[in-house]
C-alpha atoms as a PDB file:
ATOM      1  CA  MET A   1     171.537 301.496 102.206  1.00  0.00           C
ATOM      2  CA  LYS A   2     174.858 301.723 103.837  1.00  0.00           C
ATOM      3  CA  THR A   3     173.436 300.555 107.078  1.00  0.00           C
ATOM      4  CA  GLN A   4     171.792 297.494 105.443  1.00  0.00           C
ATOM      5  CA  LYS A   5     175.100 296.726 103.859  1.00  0.00           C
ATOM      6  CA  LEU A   6     176.998 296.903 107.068  1.00  0.00           C
ATOM      7  CA  PHE A   7     174.399 294.802 108.843  1.00  0.00           C
ATOM      8  CA  THR A   8     174.643 292.118 106.111  1.00  0.00           C
ATOM      9  CA  LEU A   9     178.492 292.221 106.459  1.00  0.00           C
ATOM     10  CA  ILE A  10     178.456 291.777 110.148  1.00  0.00           C
ATOM     11  CA  VAL A  11     175.858 288.883 109.997  1.00  0.00           C
ATOM     12  CA  ALA A  12     177.932 287.217 107.427  1.00  0.00           C
ATOM     13  CA  ILE A  13     181.179 287.439 109.540  1.00  0.00           C
ATOM     14  CA  ALA A  14     179.528 286.795 112.903  1.00  0.00           C
ATOM     15  CA  THR A  15     177.839 283.626 111.498  1.00  0.00           C
ATOM     16  CA  ALA A  16     181.237 282.344 110.687  1.00  0.00           C
ATOM     17  CA  ILE A  17     182.517 283.119 114.229  1.00  0.00           C
ATOM     18  CA  THR A  18     179.639 281.785 116.280  1.00  0.00           C
ATOM     19  CA  VAL A  19     179.256 278.409 114.591  1.00  0.00           C
ATOM     20  CA  ASN A  20     182.864 277.683 115.852  1.00  0.00           C
ATOM     21  CA  ALA A  21     184.060 276.720 112.372  1.00  0.00           C
ATOM     22  CA  GLN A  22     186.290 278.087 109.740  1.00  0.00           C
ATOM     23  CA  LYS A  23     183.447 279.295 107.451  1.00  0.00           C
ATOM     24  CA  VAL A  24     184.479 281.498 104.440  1.00  0.00           C
ATOM     25  CA  ALA A  25     181.823 284.102 103.464  1.00  0.00           C
ATOM     26  CA  LEU A  26     181.483 285.028  99.792  1.00  0.00           C
ATOM     27  CA  HIS A  27     179.632 288.226  99.428  1.00  0.00           C
ATOM     28  CA  SER A  28     178.198 288.540  95.792  1.00  0.00           C
ATOM     29  CA  ASN A  29     175.610 290.893  94.451  1.00  0.00           C
ATOM     30  CA  GLY A  30     173.811 291.389  97.795  1.00  0.00           C
ATOM     31  CA  THR A  31     173.870 287.653  98.800  1.00  0.00           C
ATOM     32  CA  VAL A  32     176.049 285.738 101.154  1.00  0.00           C
ATOM     33  CA  GLN A  33     177.319 282.183 100.591  1.00  0.00           C
ATOM     34  CA  HIS A  34     179.351 280.227 103.170  1.00  0.00           C
ATOM     35  CA  PHE A  35     181.982 277.573 102.548  1.00  0.00           C
ATOM     36  CA  GLU A  36     183.900 275.323 104.971  1.00  0.00           C
ATOM     37  CA  GLY A  37     186.406 272.595 105.048  1.00  0.00           C
ATOM     38  CA  ALA A  38     190.063 272.532 103.846  1.00  0.00           C
ATOM     39  CA  SER A  39     189.139 273.975 100.536  1.00  0.00           C
ATOM     40  CA  ALA A  40     186.771 276.671 101.740  1.00  0.00           C
ATOM     41  CA  PHE A  41     188.866 279.589 100.306  1.00  0.00           C
ATOM     42  CA  ILE A  42     189.381 277.710  97.054  1.00  0.00           C
ATOM     43  CA  ASN A  43     185.715 276.799  96.696  1.00  0.00           C
ATOM     44  CA  ALA A  44     184.682 280.396  97.561  1.00  0.00           C
ATOM     45  CA  TYR A  45     186.995 281.729  94.755  1.00  0.00           C
ATOM     46  CA  ASP A  46     185.661 279.272  92.273  1.00  0.00           C
ATOM     47  CA  ALA A  47     182.154 280.369  92.898  1.00  0.00           C
ATOM     48  CA  SER A  48     183.062 284.074  92.833  1.00  0.00           C
ATOM     49  CA  ALA A  49     182.740 286.598  90.005  1.00  0.00           C
ATOM     50  CA  SER A  50     184.781 289.730  89.498  1.00  0.00           C
ATOM     51  CA  GLY A  51     183.736 292.485  91.854  1.00  0.00           C
ATOM     52  CA  ASP A  52     182.898 290.042  94.737  1.00  0.00           C
ATOM     53  CA  THR A  53     184.394 290.004  98.325  1.00  0.00           C
ATOM     54  CA  ILE A  54     185.600 287.007 100.144  1.00  0.00           C
ATOM     55  CA  TYR A  55     185.698 287.312 103.913  1.00  0.00           C
ATOM     56  CA  LEU A  56     188.111 285.018 105.660  1.00  0.00           C
ATOM     57  CA  PRO A  57     187.647 284.502 109.517  1.00  0.00           C
ATOM     58  CA  GLY A  58     190.479 283.483 111.890  1.00  0.00           C
ATOM     59  CA  GLY A  59     192.252 280.300 110.967  1.00  0.00           C
ATOM     60  CA  SER A  60     194.430 278.876 108.174  1.00  0.00           C
ATOM     61  CA  PHE A  61     193.217 278.694 104.540  1.00  0.00           C
ATOM     62  CA  ASN A  62     194.697 277.209 101.458  1.00  0.00           C
ATOM     63  CA  PRO A  63     194.518 279.713  98.588  1.00  0.00           C
ATOM     64  CA  PRO A  64     193.560 278.937  95.006  1.00  0.00           C
ATOM     65  CA  ALA A  65     196.485 278.321  92.603  1.00  0.00           C
ATOM     66  CA  GLU A  66     196.222 281.591  90.977  1.00  0.00           C
ATOM     67  CA  PHE A  67     194.001 284.841  91.049  1.00  0.00           C
ATOM     68  CA  ALA A  68     192.444 285.883  87.741  1.00  0.00           C
ATOM     69  CA  LYS A  69     189.629 287.865  88.811  1.00  0.00           C
ATOM     70  CA  THR A  70     188.988 291.340  90.481  1.00  0.00           C
ATOM     71  CA  LEU A  71     188.202 290.284  94.106  1.00  0.00           C
ATOM     72  CA  SER A  72     188.515 291.769  97.673  1.00  0.00           C
ATOM     73  CA  ILE A  73     189.976 289.343 100.102  1.00  0.00           C
ATOM     74  CA  ILE A  74     189.495 290.492 103.616  1.00  0.00           C
ATOM     75  CA  GLY A  75     190.659 288.756 106.746  1.00  0.00           C
ATOM     76  CA  ALA A  76     190.356 289.379 110.574  1.00  0.00           C
ATOM     77  CA  GLY A  77     193.914 290.698 110.923  1.00  0.00           C
ATOM     78  CA  HIS A  78     197.408 289.343 111.538  1.00  0.00           C
ATOM     79  CA  TYR A  79     198.086 290.558 115.061  1.00  0.00           C
ATOM     80  CA  ALA A  80     197.186 288.103 117.672  1.00  0.00           C
ATOM     81  CA  ASP A  81     196.271 290.646 120.493  1.00  0.00           C
ATOM     82  CA  SER A  82     193.915 292.451 117.961  1.00  0.00           C
ATOM     83  CA  SER A  83     192.234 289.266 116.849  1.00  0.00           C
ATOM     84  CA  VAL A  84     191.221 287.720 120.129  1.00  0.00           C
ATOM     85  CA  VAL A  85     187.666 287.029 118.977  1.00  0.00           C
ATOM     86  CA  THR A  86     188.240 285.749 115.608  1.00  0.00           C
ATOM     87  CA  ALA A  87     192.031 284.702 115.739  1.00  0.00           C
ATOM     88  CA  LYS A  88     194.445 285.642 113.059  1.00  0.00           C
ATOM     89  CA  THR A  89     193.800 284.977 109.412  1.00  0.00           C
ATOM     90  CA  PHE A  90     196.426 282.902 107.715  1.00  0.00           C
ATOM     91  CA  ILE A  91     196.650 282.396 103.923  1.00  0.00           C
ATOM     92  CA  ASN A  92     198.768 279.272 103.981  1.00  0.00           C
ATOM     93  CA  GLY A  93     200.738 279.375 100.657  1.00  0.00           C
ATOM     94  CA  ASN A  94     201.657 281.591  97.787  1.00  0.00           C
ATOM     95  CA  ILE A  95     199.526 284.153  96.052  1.00  0.00           C
ATOM     96  CA  VAL A  96     199.965 284.288  92.275  1.00  0.00           C
ATOM     97  CA  LEU A  97     198.291 287.018  90.299  1.00  0.00           C
ATOM     98  CA  ARG A  98     197.435 286.791  86.702  1.00  0.00           C
ATOM     99  CA  GLU A  99     196.621 289.778  84.465  1.00  0.00           C
ATOM    100  CA  ASP A 100     192.895 289.552  85.016  1.00  0.00           C
ATOM    101  CA  ALA A 101     193.355 290.359  88.705  1.00  0.00           C
ATOM    102  CA  ASP A 102     193.348 294.068  88.224  1.00  0.00           C
ATOM    103  CA  TYR A 103     191.962 296.171  91.143  1.00  0.00           C
ATOM    104  CA  CYS A 104     192.324 293.168  93.648  1.00  0.00           C
ATOM    105  CA  LEU A 105     192.404 294.038  97.312  1.00  0.00           C
ATOM    106  CA  PHE A 106     194.132 291.886 100.037  1.00  0.00           C
ATOM    107  CA  GLU A 107     193.449 293.251 103.566  1.00  0.00           C
ATOM    108  CA  GLY A 108     193.858 291.882 107.160  1.00  0.00           C
ATOM    109  CA  VAL A 109     195.676 288.575 106.247  1.00  0.00           C
ATOM    110  CA  HIS A 110     198.911 286.972 106.971  1.00  0.00           C
ATOM    111  CA  ILE A 111     200.366 285.353 103.804  1.00  0.00           C
ATOM    112  CA  THR A 112     202.905 282.671 104.759  1.00  0.00           C
ATOM    113  CA  GLY A 113     204.364 282.288 101.206  1.00  0.00           C
ATOM    114  CA  THR A 114     205.334 284.578  98.325  1.00  0.00           C
ATOM    115  CA  PHE A 115     203.255 287.354  96.718  1.00  0.00           C
ATOM    116  CA  SER A 116     203.811 287.551  93.010  1.00  0.00           C
ATOM    117  CA  THR A 117     202.511 288.164  89.516  1.00  0.00           C
ATOM    118  CA  ALA A 118     203.138 285.785  86.668  1.00  0.00           C
ATOM    119  CA  ASN A 119     206.178 286.602  84.430  1.00  0.00           C
ATOM    120  CA  ASN A 120     205.547 289.752  82.361  1.00  0.00           C
ATOM    121  CA  GLU A 121     201.805 289.925  83.104  1.00  0.00           C
ATOM    122  CA  ALA A 122     200.602 293.290  84.183  1.00  0.00           C
ATOM    123  CA  VAL A 123     198.269 293.467  87.328  1.00  0.00           C
ATOM    124  CA  ASP A 124     197.344 297.141  87.748  1.00  0.00           C
ATOM    125  CA  TYR A 125     195.686 298.827  90.741  1.00  0.00           C
ATOM    126  CA  LEU A 126     196.546 296.301  93.169  1.00  0.00           C
ATOM    127  CA  THR A 127     196.134 297.144  96.851  1.00  0.00           C
ATOM    128  CA  VAL A 128     197.480 295.370  99.949  1.00  0.00           C
ATOM    129  CA  LYS A 129     196.589 296.782 103.412  1.00  0.00           C
ATOM    130  CA  SER A 130     197.067 295.926 107.050  1.00  0.00           C
ATOM    131  CA  SER A 131     198.697 292.586 106.049  1.00  0.00           C
ATOM    132  CA  SER A 132     201.712 290.578 106.608  1.00  0.00           C
ATOM    133  CA  ILE A 133     203.798 288.715 103.862  1.00  0.00           C
ATOM    134  CA  ASP A 134     206.376 286.309 104.842  1.00  0.00           C
ATOM    135  CA  GLY A 135     207.859 285.467 101.384  1.00  0.00           C
ATOM    136  CA  ASN A 136     209.150 287.610  98.647  1.00  0.00           C
ATOM    137  CA  ILE A 137     207.088 290.284  96.930  1.00  0.00           C
ATOM    138  CA  SER A 138     207.949 289.777  93.330  1.00  0.00           C
ATOM    139  CA  PHE A 139     206.700 291.506  90.181  1.00  0.00           C
ATOM    140  CA  GLN A 140     208.435 289.384  87.609  1.00  0.00           C
ATOM    141  CA  GLY A 141     209.473 290.534  84.200  1.00  0.00           C
ATOM    142  CA  ASP A 142     211.524 292.968  82.112  1.00  0.00           C
ATOM    143  CA  LEU A 143     209.190 295.890  82.076  1.00  0.00           C
ATOM    144  CA  SER A 144     208.003 295.072  78.606  1.00  0.00           C
ATOM    145  CA  ASN A 145     204.482 294.786  80.147  1.00  0.00           C
ATOM    146  CA  PRO A 146     204.716 296.199  83.645  1.00  0.00           C
ATOM    147  CA  SER A 147     202.230 296.218  86.580  1.00  0.00           C
ATOM    148  CA  LYS A 148     201.151 299.723  87.507  1.00  0.00           C
ATOM    149  CA  ASN A 149     199.622 301.702  90.383  1.00  0.00           C
ATOM    150  CA  ILE A 150     200.291 299.287  93.142  1.00  0.00           C
ATOM    151  CA  SER A 151     199.924 300.212  96.809  1.00  0.00           C
ATOM    152  CA  PHE A 152     201.189 298.494 100.042  1.00  0.00           C
ATOM    153  CA  ILE A 153     199.747 300.438 103.061  1.00  0.00           C
ATOM    154  CA  ARG A 154     200.200 299.559 106.776  1.00  0.00           C
ATOM    155  CA  CYS A 155     201.916 296.283 105.957  1.00  0.00           C
ATOM    156  CA  VAL A 156     204.735 294.145 107.096  1.00  0.00           C
ATOM    157  CA  VAL A 157     206.769 292.804 104.246  1.00  0.00           C
ATOM    158  CA  ARG A 158     210.251 291.410 103.621  1.00  0.00           C
ATOM    159  CA  HIS A 159     212.223 291.308 100.364  1.00  0.00           C
ATOM    160  CA  CYS A 160     210.660 293.156  97.370  1.00  0.00           C
ATOM    161  CA  ASN A 161     211.539 292.643  93.731  1.00  0.00           C
ATOM    162  CA  LEU A 162     209.990 295.469  91.857  1.00  0.00           C
ATOM    163  CA  GLY A 163     211.539 294.697  88.375  1.00  0.00           C
ATOM    164  CA  ASN A 164     208.257 294.625  86.447  1.00  0.00           C
ATOM    165  CA  ALA A 165     206.290 297.376  88.372  1.00  0.00           C
ATOM    166  CA  GLN A 166     205.820 301.082  88.051  1.00  0.00           C
ATOM    167  CA  ASN A 167     204.285 303.613  90.246  1.00  0.00           C
ATOM    168  CA  VAL A 168     204.392 301.420  93.275  1.00  0.00           C
ATOM    169  CA  TYR A 169     203.519 303.234  96.613  1.00  0.00           C
ATOM    170  CA  PHE A 170     204.760 301.874 100.021  1.00  0.00           C
ATOM    171  CA  ALA A 171     203.270 303.729 102.840  1.00  0.00           C
ATOM    172  CA  ASN A 172     203.343 303.406 106.649  1.00  0.00           C
ATOM    173  CA  SER A 173     204.742 299.818 106.271  1.00  0.00           C
ATOM    174  CA  ILE A 174     207.571 297.922 108.068  1.00  0.00           C
ATOM    175  CA  ILE A 175     210.066 296.292 105.712  1.00  0.00           C
ATOM    176  CA  SER A 176     211.702 293.676 107.860  1.00  0.00           C
ATOM    177  CA  ASN A 177     215.278 292.793 107.057  1.00  0.00           C
ATOM    178  CA  GLY A 178     214.757 292.564 103.301  1.00  0.00           C
ATOM    179  CA  SER A 179     216.264 294.461 100.387  1.00  0.00           C
ATOM    180  CA  ILE A 180     214.313 296.389  97.710  1.00  0.00           C
ATOM    181  CA  THR A 181     215.480 295.325  94.252  1.00  0.00           C
ATOM    182  CA  LYS A 182     215.026 296.853  90.786  1.00  0.00           C
ATOM    183  CA  SER A 183     212.876 299.587  91.953  1.00  0.00           C
ATOM    184  CA  SER A 184     212.488 302.469  89.413  1.00  0.00           C
ATOM    185  CA  GLY A 185     210.319 305.528  89.755  1.00  0.00           C
ATOM    186  CA  ASN A 186     208.508 304.466  92.909  1.00  0.00           C
ATOM    187  CA  LEU A 187     207.484 306.162  96.184  1.00  0.00           C
ATOM    188  CA  PHE A 188     208.492 304.990  99.622  1.00  0.00           C
ATOM    189  CA  GLU A 189     206.725 307.229 102.264  1.00  0.00           C
ATOM    190  CA  ASN A 190     206.543 306.992 106.094  1.00  0.00           C
ATOM    191  CA  ASN A 191     207.937 303.496 106.308  1.00  0.00           C
ATOM    192  CA  ILE A 192     210.328 301.743 108.711  1.00  0.00           C
ATOM    193  CA  ILE A 193     212.979 299.919 106.775  1.00  0.00           C
ATOM    194  CA  LEU A 194     215.018 297.506 108.900  1.00  0.00           C
ATOM    195  CA  ARG A 195     218.073 295.991 107.169  1.00  0.00           C
ATOM    196  CA  SER A 196     221.318 294.156 107.865  1.00  0.00           C
ATOM    197  CA  PRO A 197     223.205 294.416 104.613  1.00  0.00           C
ATOM    198  CA  SER A 198     226.883 293.406 104.242  1.00  0.00           C
ATOM    199  CA  HIS A 199     229.378 295.959 103.196  1.00  0.00           C
ATOM    200  CA  SER A 200     228.911 294.894  99.480  1.00  0.00           C
ATOM    201  CA  THR A 201     225.114 294.979  99.326  1.00  0.00           C
ATOM    202  CA  PHE A 202     222.536 297.639  99.720  1.00  0.00           C
ATOM    203  CA  VAL A 203     219.118 298.397 100.961  1.00  0.00           C
ATOM    204  CA  PHE A 204     217.871 299.624  97.598  1.00  0.00           C
ATOM    205  CA  VAL A 205     219.602 297.405  94.945  1.00  0.00           C
ATOM    206  CA  ASP A 206     219.824 298.511  91.295  1.00  0.00           C
ATOM    207  CA  GLY A 207     217.050 300.659  89.793  1.00  0.00           C
ATOM    208  CA  GLY A 208     216.680 304.390  90.559  1.00  0.00           C
ATOM    209  CA  ASN A 209     214.580 307.587  90.261  1.00  0.00           C
ATOM    210  CA  ASN A 210     212.834 306.628  93.447  1.00  0.00           C
ATOM    211  CA  THR A 211     211.391 309.106  95.863  1.00  0.00           C
ATOM    212  CA  ILE A 212     212.245 308.019  99.340  1.00  0.00           C
ATOM    213  CA  LYS A 213     210.895 310.298 102.127  1.00  0.00           C
ATOM    214  CA  ASN A 214     209.946 310.476 105.779  1.00  0.00           C
ATOM    215  CA  ASN A 215     211.206 306.956 106.345  1.00  0.00           C
ATOM    216  CA  VAL A 216     213.140 305.577 109.260  1.00  0.00           C
ATOM    217  CA  ILE A 217     215.999 303.501 107.716  1.00  0.00           C
ATOM    218  CA  LYS A 218     217.715 301.411 110.386  1.00  0.00           C
ATOM    219  CA  THR A 219     220.670 299.410 109.282  1.00  0.00           C
ATOM    220  CA  PHE A 220     222.625 297.115 111.311  1.00  0.00           C
ATOM    221  CA  ASP A 221     226.088 298.040 112.531  1.00  0.00           C
ATOM    222  CA  TYR A 222     225.819 301.596 111.125  1.00  0.00           C
ATOM    223  CA  THR A 223     226.402 300.390 107.665  1.00  0.00           C
ATOM    224  CA  SER A 224     226.141 303.206 105.059  1.00  0.00           C
ATOM    225  CA  HIS A 225     225.166 301.077 102.226  1.00  0.00           C
ATOM    226  CA  ILE A 226     221.723 302.451 101.251  1.00  0.00           C
ATOM    227  CA  SER A 227     221.531 302.413  97.407  1.00  0.00           C
ATOM    228  CA  ASN A 228     223.694 301.633  94.396  1.00  0.00           C
ATOM    229  CA  GLY A 229     221.073 303.044  92.003  1.00  0.00           C
ATOM    230  CA  THR A 230     220.896 306.396  90.134  1.00  0.00           C
ATOM    231  CA  GLY A 231     218.825 309.573  90.537  1.00  0.00           C
ATOM    232  CA  ASN A 232     216.952 308.640  93.794  1.00  0.00           C
ATOM    233  CA  THR A 233     215.757 311.520  95.904  1.00  0.00           C
ATOM    234  CA  TYR A 234     215.863 311.357  99.853  1.00  0.00           C
ATOM    235  CA  TYR A 235     213.894 313.831 102.024  1.00  0.00           C
ATOM    236  CA  ASN A 236     213.468 313.817 105.678  1.00  0.00           C
ATOM    237  CA  ASN A 237     214.633 310.329 106.340  1.00  0.00           C
ATOM    238  CA  LEU A 238     216.399 309.030 109.399  1.00  0.00           C
ATOM    239  CA  PHE A 239     219.646 307.137 108.883  1.00  0.00           C
ATOM    240  CA  VAL A 240     221.919 305.522 111.572  1.00  0.00           C
ATOM    241  CA  SER A 241     224.956 306.139 109.374  1.00  0.00           C
ATOM    242  CA  SER A 242     226.467 309.761 109.478  1.00  0.00           C
ATOM    243  CA  GLY A 243     227.531 309.304 105.746  1.00  0.00           C
ATOM    244  CA  PRO A 244     225.063 307.023 103.964  1.00  0.00           C
ATOM    245  CA  LEU A 245     225.796 305.960 100.358  1.00  0.00           C
ATOM    246  CA  LEU A 246     222.849 307.084  98.394  1.00  0.00           C
ATOM    247  CA  GLY A 247     223.776 306.135  94.894  1.00  0.00           C
ATOM    248  CA  ALA A 248     224.779 308.213  91.859  1.00  0.00           C
ATOM    249  CA  ASN A 249     223.189 311.623  91.036  1.00  0.00           C
ATOM    250  CA  ALA A 250     221.185 311.387  94.375  1.00  0.00           C
ATOM    251  CA  VAL A 251     219.285 314.467  95.635  1.00  0.00           C
ATOM    252  CA  ALA A 252     219.062 314.698  99.512  1.00  0.00           C
ATOM    253  CA  SER A 253     217.437 317.232 101.768  1.00  0.00           C
ATOM    254  CA  GLY A 254     216.355 317.392 105.395  1.00  0.00           C
ATOM    255  CA  ASN A 255     217.502 314.062 106.373  1.00  0.00           C
ATOM    256  CA  TYR A 256     218.604 313.047 109.974  1.00  0.00           C
ATOM    257  CA  LEU A 257     222.120 311.475 109.803  1.00  0.00           C
ATOM    258  CA  GLY A 258     224.100 309.492 112.470  1.00  0.00           C
ATOM    259  CA  VAL A 259     221.116 308.715 114.749  1.00  0.00           C
ATOM    260  CA  GLU A 260     221.986 306.283 117.463  1.00  0.00           C
ATOM    261  CA  PRO A 261     219.972 303.043 116.779  1.00  0.00           C
ATOM    262  CA  ASP A 262     218.906 302.403 120.363  1.00  0.00           C
ATOM    263  CA  GLY A 263     217.569 305.935 120.520  1.00  0.00           C
ATOM    264  CA  ILE A 264     214.995 305.650 117.702  1.00  0.00           C
ATOM    265  CA  PHE A 265     212.092 303.594 118.915  1.00  0.00           C
ATOM    266  CA  VAL A 266     210.461 303.255 122.224  1.00  0.00           C
ATOM    267  CA  ASN A 267     211.070 299.576 122.546  1.00  0.00           C
ATOM    268  CA  GLN A 268     212.793 297.818 119.551  1.00  0.00           C
ATOM    269  CA  THR A 269     215.997 295.861 118.790  1.00  0.00           C
ATOM    270  CA  GLY A 270     217.612 294.230 115.878  1.00  0.00           C
ATOM    271  CA  VAL A 271     216.382 294.443 112.134  1.00  0.00           C
ATOM    272  CA  THR A 272     213.559 291.884 112.294  1.00  0.00           C
ATOM    273  CA  PHE A 273     209.880 292.685 112.747  1.00  0.00           C
ATOM    274  CA  ASN A 274     208.638 291.507 116.115  1.00  0.00           C
ATOM    275  CA  TYR A 275     204.981 291.850 117.262  1.00  0.00           C
ATOM    276  CA  SER A 276     206.014 292.553 120.901  1.00  0.00           C
ATOM    277  CA  HIS A 277     208.141 295.702 119.806  1.00  0.00           C
ATOM    278  CA  ASP A 278     206.941 299.322 120.040  1.00  0.00           C
ATOM    279  CA  TYR A 279     207.758 301.222 116.929  1.00  0.00           C
ATOM    280  CA  HIS A 280     206.661 304.585 118.212  1.00  0.00           C
ATOM    281  CA  LEU A 281     209.544 307.144 117.943  1.00  0.00           C
ATOM    282  CA  LYS A 282     211.219 308.462 121.018  1.00  0.00           C
ATOM    283  CA  GLN A 283     211.371 311.941 119.563  1.00  0.00           C
ATOM    284  CA  PRO A 284     208.377 312.336 117.266  1.00  0.00           C
ATOM    285  CA  GLU A 285     208.344 316.047 117.636  1.00  0.00           C
ATOM    286  CA  VAL A 286     212.009 316.312 116.516  1.00  0.00           C
ATOM    287  CA  TRP A 287     212.022 313.898 113.538  1.00  0.00           C
ATOM    288  CA  THR A 288     209.407 315.418 111.327  1.00  0.00           C
ATOM    289  CA  GLY A 289     208.660 314.787 107.720  1.00  0.00           C
ATOM    290  CA  THR A 290     207.961 316.936 104.634  1.00  0.00           C
ATOM    291  CA  ASP A 291     204.380 317.229 105.757  1.00  0.00           C
ATOM    292  CA  ASN A 292     205.213 318.374 109.199  1.00  0.00           C
ATOM    293  CA  THR A 293     204.004 315.142 110.809  1.00  0.00           C
ATOM    294  CA  GLN A 294     206.392 312.669 112.356  1.00  0.00           C
ATOM    295  CA  ILE A 295     208.544 310.374 110.136  1.00  0.00           C
ATOM    296  CA  GLY A 296     207.920 306.650 110.397  1.00  0.00           C
ATOM    297  CA  ILE A 297     204.700 304.705 110.363  1.00  0.00           C
ATOM    298  CA  TYR A 298     202.682 306.914 112.775  1.00  0.00           C
ATOM    299  CA  GLY A 299     202.935 309.969 110.525  1.00  0.00           C
ATOM    300  CA  GLY A 300     201.968 310.808 107.051  1.00  0.00           C
ATOM    301  CA  THR A 301     198.741 310.210 105.101  1.00  0.00           C
ATOM    302  CA  PHE A 302     198.012 306.558 106.490  1.00  0.00           C
ATOM    303  CA  PRO A 303     199.181 306.603 110.202  1.00  0.00           C
ATOM    304  CA  TYR A 304     199.671 303.040 111.376  1.00  0.00           C
ATOM    305  CA  LYS A 305     196.623 301.702 113.294  1.00  0.00           C
ATOM    306  CA  GLU A 306     197.478 299.718 116.322  1.00  0.00           C
ATOM    307  CA  GLY A 307     197.200 296.014 115.833  1.00  0.00           C
ATOM    308  CA  ALA A 308     196.976 296.783 112.044  1.00  0.00           C
ATOM    309  CA  ILE A 309     193.127 296.321 112.327  1.00  0.00           C
ATOM    310  CA  PRO A 310     191.415 295.931 108.802  1.00  0.00           C
ATOM    311  CA  SER A 311     188.822 298.252 107.686  1.00  0.00           C
ATOM    312  CA  ASN A 312     185.898 295.809 107.983  1.00  0.00           C
ATOM    313  CA  PRO A 313     183.965 295.818 111.240  1.00  0.00           C
ATOM    314  CA  HIS A 314     186.288 294.761 114.012  1.00  0.00           C
ATOM    315  CA  PHE A 315     184.921 292.154 116.457  1.00  0.00           C
ATOM    316  CA  GLN A 316     185.869 293.280 119.973  1.00  0.00           C
ATOM    317  CA  GLU A 317     183.778 290.938 122.234  1.00  0.00           C
ATOM    318  CA  GLU A 318     182.080 287.525 121.801  1.00  0.00           C
ATOM    319  CA  ASN A 319     179.697 286.028 124.499  1.00  0.00           C
ATOM    320  CA  ILE A 320     177.999 282.695 123.562  1.00  0.00           C
ATOM    321  CA  ALA A 321     175.899 280.887 126.033  1.00  0.00           C
ATOM    322  CA  PRO A 322     177.076 277.300 126.800  1.00  0.00           C
ATOM    323  CA  THR A 323     173.608 275.963 126.338  1.00  0.00           C
ATOM    324  CA  ALA A 324     170.410 276.854 124.594  1.00  0.00           C
ATOM    325  CA  THR A 325     167.284 278.090 126.397  1.00  0.00           C
ATOM    326  CA  GLY A 326     163.909 277.542 125.014  1.00  0.00           C
ATOM    327  CA  GLY A 327     165.365 276.237 121.750  1.00  0.00           C
ATOM    328  CA  GLN A 328     167.477 279.532 121.456  1.00  0.00           C
ATOM    329  CA  LEU A 329     171.058 280.115 121.867  1.00  0.00           C
ATOM    330  CA  ASN A 330     171.992 283.454 123.271  1.00  0.00           C
ATOM    331  CA  VAL A 331     174.849 285.056 121.241  1.00  0.00           C
ATOM    332  CA  GLN A 332     176.204 288.544 121.907  1.00  0.00           C
ATOM    333  CA  ILE A 333     178.789 290.083 119.469  1.00  0.00           C
ATOM    334  CA  LYS A 334     180.308 293.570 119.857  1.00  0.00           C
ATOM    335  CA  ALA A 335     181.712 295.005 116.692  1.00  0.00           C
ATOM    336  CA  ALA A 336     183.124 298.531 115.813  1.00  0.00           C
ATOM    337  CA  ALA A 337     183.248 300.042 112.524  1.00  0.00           C
ATOM    338  CA  GLN A 338     186.510 301.214 111.129  1.00  0.00           C
ATOM    339  CA  ASP A 339     187.430 304.349 109.083  1.00  0.00           C
ATOM    340  CA  ASN A 340     189.612 302.915 106.446  1.00  0.00           C
END
């Protein structure tokens, strides 16, 4: 059964590649339907039902105005060098989630706009993996009806407003020169946090009672302004400041303080994510986390995958004959299965 499902999936995606068109594949109840054109993603969404999967090939796709179903949206990835066959998958616009979008998955996509919930609408068990979000992540509201159990894993994100979210998990992700505001009771584990705050702003703004462990927190110009919140715990994080301001009633243990910024990564400068940078640690055996693996994105529970390759079969090679022979076109596709 698993082999048949994998074969169906590969055929569905490979068809979209080999016809040299931006075809979106809707996988629903064992059947595959294709959509193309400027509204391909929108039309696939309209035809979908909760529990379906929409596969986006390389290219740029306009999203539906809002998501109010339980769907898996899976693209080809957001690294150019890891998406040579398919090209990168761009969702060109904002993602707005309504309360019926519980259990949605977004994986292997580059979202050019914002990623948000409607005001005071709870979207629970949301997962974002191996994706990049250019705009703000915003869970809007006053905690009267919070979103719960949210995961961002192996992502590249910017500013995060978690004012209406609880039990949020950021793991093995890169937060690129953005602050994390109104985060309360959430877990940040094995991330790289790059930030250039002024001397009056912080990395973690307001909120409190967060667990922050095994992260590399690189702030520009050795700034010490980490948090103005209350009750955060900090375990085995790396700070460039020798005296980071961790907020009121903070608990801190095992942290690495006063690390020279240029000595952290193999090849990285500044506080903005760059695809050409190498985020491996220069001393992974020295900077270890609470689980005895290295801190940062290559340690922990979900070690970063080179190229942030999504979990669907990854297309490595594509060879298509320029002309047909005997009425048949010779097409060779090489795909590799992924673990997670």
